[in-house]
């Protein structure tokens, strides 16, 4: 993202690695339990701390 006046709004999901049954590769959500960004790479979830 290069614009200074735009934002990306992610879905909020509790424990996405347990609750999302068929995630698509590249899926990004905000884990409301861990309070972290969760990204699915097609095989595993990665959790990014702010």
N, C-alpha and C. Protein backbone atom coordinates (compact mmCIF):
# COMPACT_ATOMS: atom_id res chain seq x y z
N UNK A 1 0.85 -1.17 0.00
CA UNK A 1 0.00 0.00 0.00
C UNK A 1 0.89 1.23 0.00
N UNK A 2 0.62 2.10 -0.92
CA UNK A 2 1.44 3.29 -1.02
C UNK A 2 0.69 4.57 -0.69
N UNK A 3 -0.62 4.54 -0.72
CA UNK A 3 -1.40 5.74 -0.41
C UNK A 3 -1.37 6.03 1.08
N UNK A 4 -1.35 7.30 1.40
CA UNK A 4 -1.34 7.69 2.81
C UNK A 4 -2.74 7.90 3.36
N UNK A 5 -3.75 7.83 2.48
CA UNK A 5 -5.12 8.05 2.94
C UNK A 5 -6.02 6.84 2.72
N UNK A 6 -5.43 5.64 2.63
CA UNK A 6 -6.17 4.40 2.44
C UNK A 6 -5.83 3.43 3.57
N UNK A 7 -6.72 2.48 3.80
CA UNK A 7 -6.48 1.46 4.83
C UNK A 7 -7.02 0.12 4.35
N UNK A 8 -6.45 -0.93 4.86
CA UNK A 8 -6.96 -2.27 4.59
C UNK A 8 -7.63 -2.76 5.86
N UNK A 9 -8.88 -3.17 5.75
CA UNK A 9 -9.64 -3.64 6.91
C UNK A 9 -9.72 -5.16 6.81
N UNK A 10 -9.16 -5.84 7.80
CA UNK A 10 -9.13 -7.30 7.80
C UNK A 10 -10.28 -7.87 8.62
N UNK A 11 -10.75 -9.06 8.26
CA UNK A 11 -11.76 -9.72 9.09
C UNK A 11 -11.16 -10.08 10.45
N UNK A 12 -11.98 -10.02 11.48
CA UNK A 12 -11.54 -10.39 12.82
C UNK A 12 -12.07 -11.79 13.12
N UNK A 13 -11.15 -12.70 13.48
CA UNK A 13 -11.51 -14.10 13.71
C UNK A 13 -10.81 -14.58 14.97
N UNK A 14 -11.56 -15.24 15.85
CA UNK A 14 -10.96 -15.85 17.03
C UNK A 14 -10.35 -17.19 16.62
N UNK A 15 -9.07 -17.34 16.85
CA UNK A 15 -8.34 -18.60 16.57
C UNK A 15 -8.56 -19.10 15.14
N UNK A 16 -8.11 -18.33 14.14
CA UNK A 16 -8.37 -18.71 12.75
C UNK A 16 -7.77 -20.06 12.37
N UNK A 17 -6.66 -20.43 12.98
CA UNK A 17 -6.04 -21.72 12.65
C UNK A 17 -6.91 -22.90 13.09
N UNK A 18 -7.87 -22.65 13.99
CA UNK A 18 -8.78 -23.69 14.44
C UNK A 18 -10.18 -23.55 13.86
N UNK A 19 -10.59 -22.33 13.56
CA UNK A 19 -11.98 -22.09 13.16
C UNK A 19 -12.22 -22.01 11.66
N UNK A 20 -11.21 -21.64 10.88
CA UNK A 20 -11.39 -21.55 9.43
C UNK A 20 -11.03 -22.91 8.84
N UNK A 21 -12.01 -23.58 8.27
CA UNK A 21 -11.82 -24.96 7.83
C UNK A 21 -11.06 -25.10 6.52
N UNK A 22 -11.31 -24.24 5.56
CA UNK A 22 -10.64 -24.32 4.26
C UNK A 22 -10.07 -22.97 3.86
N UNK A 23 -9.00 -22.53 4.53
CA UNK A 23 -8.45 -21.21 4.18
C UNK A 23 -7.80 -21.22 2.80
N UNK A 24 -7.90 -20.10 2.13
CA UNK A 24 -7.26 -19.94 0.83
C UNK A 24 -5.82 -19.45 1.03
N UNK A 25 -4.89 -19.89 0.19
CA UNK A 25 -3.52 -19.37 0.29
C UNK A 25 -3.52 -17.85 0.18
N UNK A 26 -2.80 -17.20 1.06
CA UNK A 26 -2.74 -15.74 1.07
C UNK A 26 -3.77 -15.09 1.97
N UNK A 27 -4.65 -15.89 2.57
CA UNK A 27 -5.68 -15.33 3.45
C UNK A 27 -5.04 -14.61 4.63
N UNK A 28 -5.57 -13.43 4.95
CA UNK A 28 -5.09 -12.65 6.08
C UNK A 28 -6.27 -12.28 6.96
N UNK A 29 -6.13 -12.48 8.27
CA UNK A 29 -7.16 -12.11 9.23
C UNK A 29 -6.48 -11.60 10.48
N UNK A 30 -7.26 -10.93 11.34
CA UNK A 30 -6.75 -10.51 12.64
C UNK A 30 -7.27 -11.49 13.67
N UNK A 31 -6.35 -12.17 14.37
CA UNK A 31 -6.71 -13.12 15.42
C UNK A 31 -7.06 -12.32 16.67
N UNK A 32 -8.32 -12.36 17.08
CA UNK A 32 -8.77 -11.57 18.22
C UNK A 32 -8.33 -12.14 19.56
N UNK A 33 -7.92 -13.40 19.59
CA UNK A 33 -7.44 -14.01 20.83
C UNK A 33 -5.96 -13.67 21.04
N UNK A 34 -5.14 -13.93 20.02
CA UNK A 34 -3.70 -13.63 20.12
C UNK A 34 -3.39 -12.15 19.88
N UNK A 35 -4.39 -11.42 19.31
CA UNK A 35 -4.21 -10.02 18.95
C UNK A 35 -3.01 -9.85 18.00
N UNK A 36 -3.03 -10.70 16.96
CA UNK A 36 -1.96 -10.70 15.97
C UNK A 36 -2.54 -10.88 14.57
N UNK A 37 -1.76 -10.46 13.58
CA UNK A 37 -2.11 -10.71 12.20
C UNK A 37 -1.83 -12.18 11.90
N UNK A 38 -2.77 -12.87 11.29
CA UNK A 38 -2.59 -14.26 10.90
C UNK A 38 -2.62 -14.35 9.38
N UNK A 39 -1.62 -15.02 8.80
CA UNK A 39 -1.51 -15.16 7.35
C UNK A 39 -1.36 -16.64 7.02
N UNK A 40 -2.18 -17.11 6.09
CA UNK A 40 -2.11 -18.52 5.67
C UNK A 40 -1.35 -18.60 4.36
N UNK A 41 -0.28 -19.39 4.32
CA UNK A 41 0.57 -19.46 3.12
C UNK A 41 0.20 -20.60 2.18
N UNK A 42 -0.87 -21.30 2.47
CA UNK A 42 -1.27 -22.44 1.66
C UNK A 42 -1.02 -23.76 2.35
N UNK A 43 -0.18 -23.70 3.41
CA UNK A 43 0.15 -24.89 4.20
C UNK A 43 -0.04 -24.66 5.69
N UNK A 44 0.51 -23.56 6.19
CA UNK A 44 0.43 -23.26 7.62
C UNK A 44 0.07 -21.80 7.86
N UNK A 45 -0.44 -21.53 9.05
CA UNK A 45 -0.70 -20.15 9.48
C UNK A 45 0.56 -19.57 10.09
N UNK A 46 0.85 -18.31 9.81
CA UNK A 46 1.92 -17.55 10.46
C UNK A 46 1.27 -16.42 11.23
N UNK A 47 1.80 -16.13 12.40
CA UNK A 47 1.25 -15.07 13.25
C UNK A 47 2.30 -13.98 13.40
N UNK A 48 1.91 -12.75 13.09
CA UNK A 48 2.81 -11.61 13.11
C UNK A 48 2.43 -10.70 14.27
N UNK A 49 3.39 -10.41 15.11
CA UNK A 49 3.16 -9.48 16.21
C UNK A 49 3.30 -8.05 15.72
N UNK A 50 2.48 -7.12 16.29
CA UNK A 50 2.60 -5.71 15.88
C UNK A 50 3.89 -5.10 16.36
